[in-house]
């Protein structure tokens, strides 16, 4: 986990409502998973997982 946090500062940090809203908005604007990962700092896998949970992707 420490190694992931070194690379991705917010790895394993719980999401908050405002971050969910911003993530959805940016995804709807066709921002890439890679860019969203750079901005929010969890792993790309975590971004995809969150978008699935929020009903944005299958």
N, C-alpha and C. Protein backbone atom coordinates (compact mmCIF):
# COMPACT_ATOMS: atom_id res chain seq x y z
N UNK A 1 0.82 -1.18 0.00
CA UNK A 1 0.00 0.00 0.00
C UNK A 1 0.88 1.26 0.00
N UNK A 2 1.97 1.26 0.74
CA UNK A 2 2.85 2.42 0.77
C UNK A 2 3.41 2.72 -0.61
N UNK A 3 3.77 1.65 -1.34
CA UNK A 3 4.32 1.84 -2.68
C UNK A 3 3.27 2.47 -3.60
N UNK A 4 2.02 2.02 -3.52
CA UNK A 4 0.96 2.60 -4.34
C UNK A 4 0.75 4.06 -4.00
N UNK A 5 0.80 4.41 -2.71
CA UNK A 5 0.60 5.80 -2.30
C UNK A 5 1.76 6.68 -2.75
N UNK A 6 2.93 6.10 -2.87
CA UNK A 6 4.07 6.86 -3.37
C UNK A 6 3.82 7.25 -4.82
N UNK A 7 3.29 6.29 -5.60
CA UNK A 7 3.02 6.54 -7.01
C UNK A 7 1.70 7.27 -7.22
N UNK A 8 0.68 6.91 -6.44
CA UNK A 8 -0.66 7.48 -6.55
C UNK A 8 -1.04 8.00 -5.16
N UNK A 9 -0.93 9.29 -4.96
CA UNK A 9 -1.10 9.90 -3.64
C UNK A 9 -2.39 9.60 -2.92
N UNK A 10 -3.47 9.35 -3.66
CA UNK A 10 -4.76 9.08 -3.02
C UNK A 10 -5.17 7.62 -3.10
N UNK A 11 -4.24 6.73 -3.35
CA UNK A 11 -4.56 5.30 -3.38
C UNK A 11 -5.12 4.87 -2.04
N UNK A 12 -6.24 4.19 -2.08
CA UNK A 12 -6.92 3.63 -0.90
C UNK A 12 -7.55 4.69 0.01
N UNK A 13 -7.62 5.92 -0.45
CA UNK A 13 -8.29 6.98 0.32
C UNK A 13 -9.76 6.97 -0.08
N UNK A 14 -10.70 7.02 0.88
CA UNK A 14 -12.13 7.00 0.53
C UNK A 14 -12.53 8.21 -0.33
N UNK A 15 -13.48 7.98 -1.22
CA UNK A 15 -14.00 9.03 -2.07
C UNK A 15 -15.00 9.87 -1.28
N UNK A 16 -15.08 11.14 -1.60
CA UNK A 16 -16.08 12.04 -1.01
C UNK A 16 -17.03 12.46 -2.13
N UNK A 17 -18.22 12.94 -1.74
CA UNK A 17 -19.25 13.29 -2.71
C UNK A 17 -18.78 14.29 -3.76
N UNK A 18 -18.07 15.31 -3.33
CA UNK A 18 -17.60 16.33 -4.27
C UNK A 18 -16.65 15.73 -5.31
N UNK A 19 -15.77 14.85 -4.88
CA UNK A 19 -14.86 14.19 -5.82
C UNK A 19 -15.63 13.31 -6.79
N UNK A 20 -16.66 12.62 -6.30
CA UNK A 20 -17.50 11.80 -7.19
C UNK A 20 -18.15 12.67 -8.26
N UNK A 21 -18.70 13.81 -7.85
CA UNK A 21 -19.36 14.71 -8.81
C UNK A 21 -18.36 15.22 -9.85
N UNK A 22 -17.20 15.63 -9.39
CA UNK A 22 -16.19 16.14 -10.31
C UNK A 22 -15.69 15.04 -11.25
N UNK A 23 -15.48 13.85 -10.71
CA UNK A 23 -15.06 12.71 -11.53
C UNK A 23 -16.08 12.44 -12.63
N UNK A 24 -17.36 12.39 -12.27
CA UNK A 24 -18.41 12.14 -13.26
C UNK A 24 -18.46 13.24 -14.31
N UNK A 25 -18.36 14.47 -13.88
CA UNK A 25 -18.38 15.61 -14.80
C UNK A 25 -17.22 15.53 -15.78
N UNK A 26 -16.05 15.27 -15.28
CA UNK A 26 -14.87 15.20 -16.14
C UNK A 26 -14.95 14.00 -17.08
N UNK A 27 -15.47 12.88 -16.58
CA UNK A 27 -15.63 11.70 -17.44
C UNK A 27 -16.63 12.00 -18.55
N UNK A 28 -17.71 12.70 -18.21
CA UNK A 28 -18.71 13.08 -19.21
C UNK A 28 -18.14 14.03 -20.25
N UNK A 29 -17.08 14.74 -19.90
CA UNK A 29 -16.39 15.64 -20.84
C UNK A 29 -15.32 14.89 -21.64
N UNK A 30 -15.37 13.56 -21.59
CA UNK A 30 -14.47 12.69 -22.35
C UNK A 30 -13.01 12.75 -21.92
N UNK A 31 -12.77 13.05 -20.65
CA UNK A 31 -11.40 12.98 -20.13
C UNK A 31 -11.01 11.50 -20.03
N UNK A 32 -9.78 11.19 -20.34
CA UNK A 32 -9.33 9.79 -20.32
C UNK A 32 -9.15 9.27 -18.89
N UNK A 33 -9.20 7.97 -18.76
CA UNK A 33 -8.97 7.33 -17.46
C UNK A 33 -7.58 7.70 -16.95
N UNK A 34 -6.62 7.73 -17.85
CA UNK A 34 -5.25 8.08 -17.48
C UNK A 34 -5.18 9.50 -16.93
N UNK A 35 -5.83 10.43 -17.59
CA UNK A 35 -5.83 11.82 -17.11
C UNK A 35 -6.56 11.92 -15.77
N UNK A 36 -7.69 11.24 -15.64
CA UNK A 36 -8.43 11.26 -14.37
C UNK A 36 -7.59 10.69 -13.24
N UNK A 37 -6.82 9.66 -13.54
CA UNK A 37 -5.92 9.08 -12.55
C UNK A 37 -4.84 10.09 -12.14
N UNK A 38 -4.33 10.82 -13.10
CA UNK A 38 -3.32 11.85 -12.80
C UNK A 38 -3.91 12.95 -11.93
N UNK A 39 -5.14 13.32 -12.18
CA UNK A 39 -5.78 14.41 -11.45
C UNK A 39 -6.18 13.98 -10.04
N UNK A 40 -6.88 12.86 -9.94
CA UNK A 40 -7.42 12.42 -8.65
C UNK A 40 -6.44 11.60 -7.83
N UNK A 41 -5.44 11.04 -8.48
CA UNK A 41 -4.35 10.28 -7.89
C UNK A 41 -4.66 8.91 -7.28
N UNK A 42 -5.76 8.28 -7.60
CA UNK A 42 -5.81 6.84 -7.33
C UNK A 42 -5.31 6.13 -8.59
N UNK A 43 -5.23 4.84 -8.57
CA UNK A 43 -4.77 4.09 -9.74
C UNK A 43 -5.82 4.14 -10.84
N UNK A 44 -5.42 3.92 -12.08
CA UNK A 44 -6.41 3.84 -13.16
C UNK A 44 -7.47 2.77 -12.91
N UNK A 45 -7.06 1.67 -12.31
CA UNK A 45 -8.03 0.61 -11.97
C UNK A 45 -9.07 1.13 -10.98
N UNK A 46 -8.62 1.92 -10.00
CA UNK A 46 -9.55 2.48 -9.02
C UNK A 46 -10.50 3.48 -9.67
N UNK A 47 -10.02 4.24 -10.64
CA UNK A 47 -10.88 5.18 -11.36
C UNK A 47 -11.96 4.40 -12.10
N UNK A 48 -11.57 3.35 -12.81
CA UNK A 48 -12.56 2.53 -13.53
C UNK A 48 -13.57 1.93 -12.55
N UNK A 49 -13.09 1.42 -11.45
CA UNK A 49 -13.96 0.82 -10.44
C UNK A 49 -14.97 1.83 -9.91
N UNK A 50 -14.50 3.04 -9.64
CA UNK A 50 -15.38 4.08 -9.11
C UNK A 50 -16.43 4.48 -10.15
N UNK A 51 -16.00 4.60 -11.40
CA UNK A 51 -16.94 4.94 -12.47
C UNK A 51 -17.99 3.85 -12.64
N UNK A 52 -17.59 2.60 -12.47
CA UNK A 52 -18.56 1.49 -12.51
C UNK A 52 -19.56 1.62 -11.37
N UNK A 53 -19.06 1.87 -10.18
CA UNK A 53 -19.93 2.00 -9.01
C UNK A 53 -20.91 3.16 -9.18
N UNK A 54 -20.47 4.21 -9.83
CA UNK A 54 -21.32 5.39 -10.06
C UNK A 54 -22.23 5.24 -11.28
N UNK A 55 -22.14 4.09 -11.95
CA UNK A 55 -23.01 3.81 -13.10
C UNK A 55 -22.59 4.48 -14.39
N UNK A 56 -21.36 4.94 -14.47
CA UNK A 56 -20.89 5.63 -15.67
C UNK A 56 -20.36 4.67 -16.72
N UNK A 57 -19.83 3.54 -16.31
CA UNK A 57 -19.34 2.54 -17.25
C UNK A 57 -19.79 1.16 -16.78
N UNK A 58 -19.73 0.21 -17.69
CA UNK A 58 -20.12 -1.17 -17.35
C UNK A 58 -18.91 -2.05 -17.22
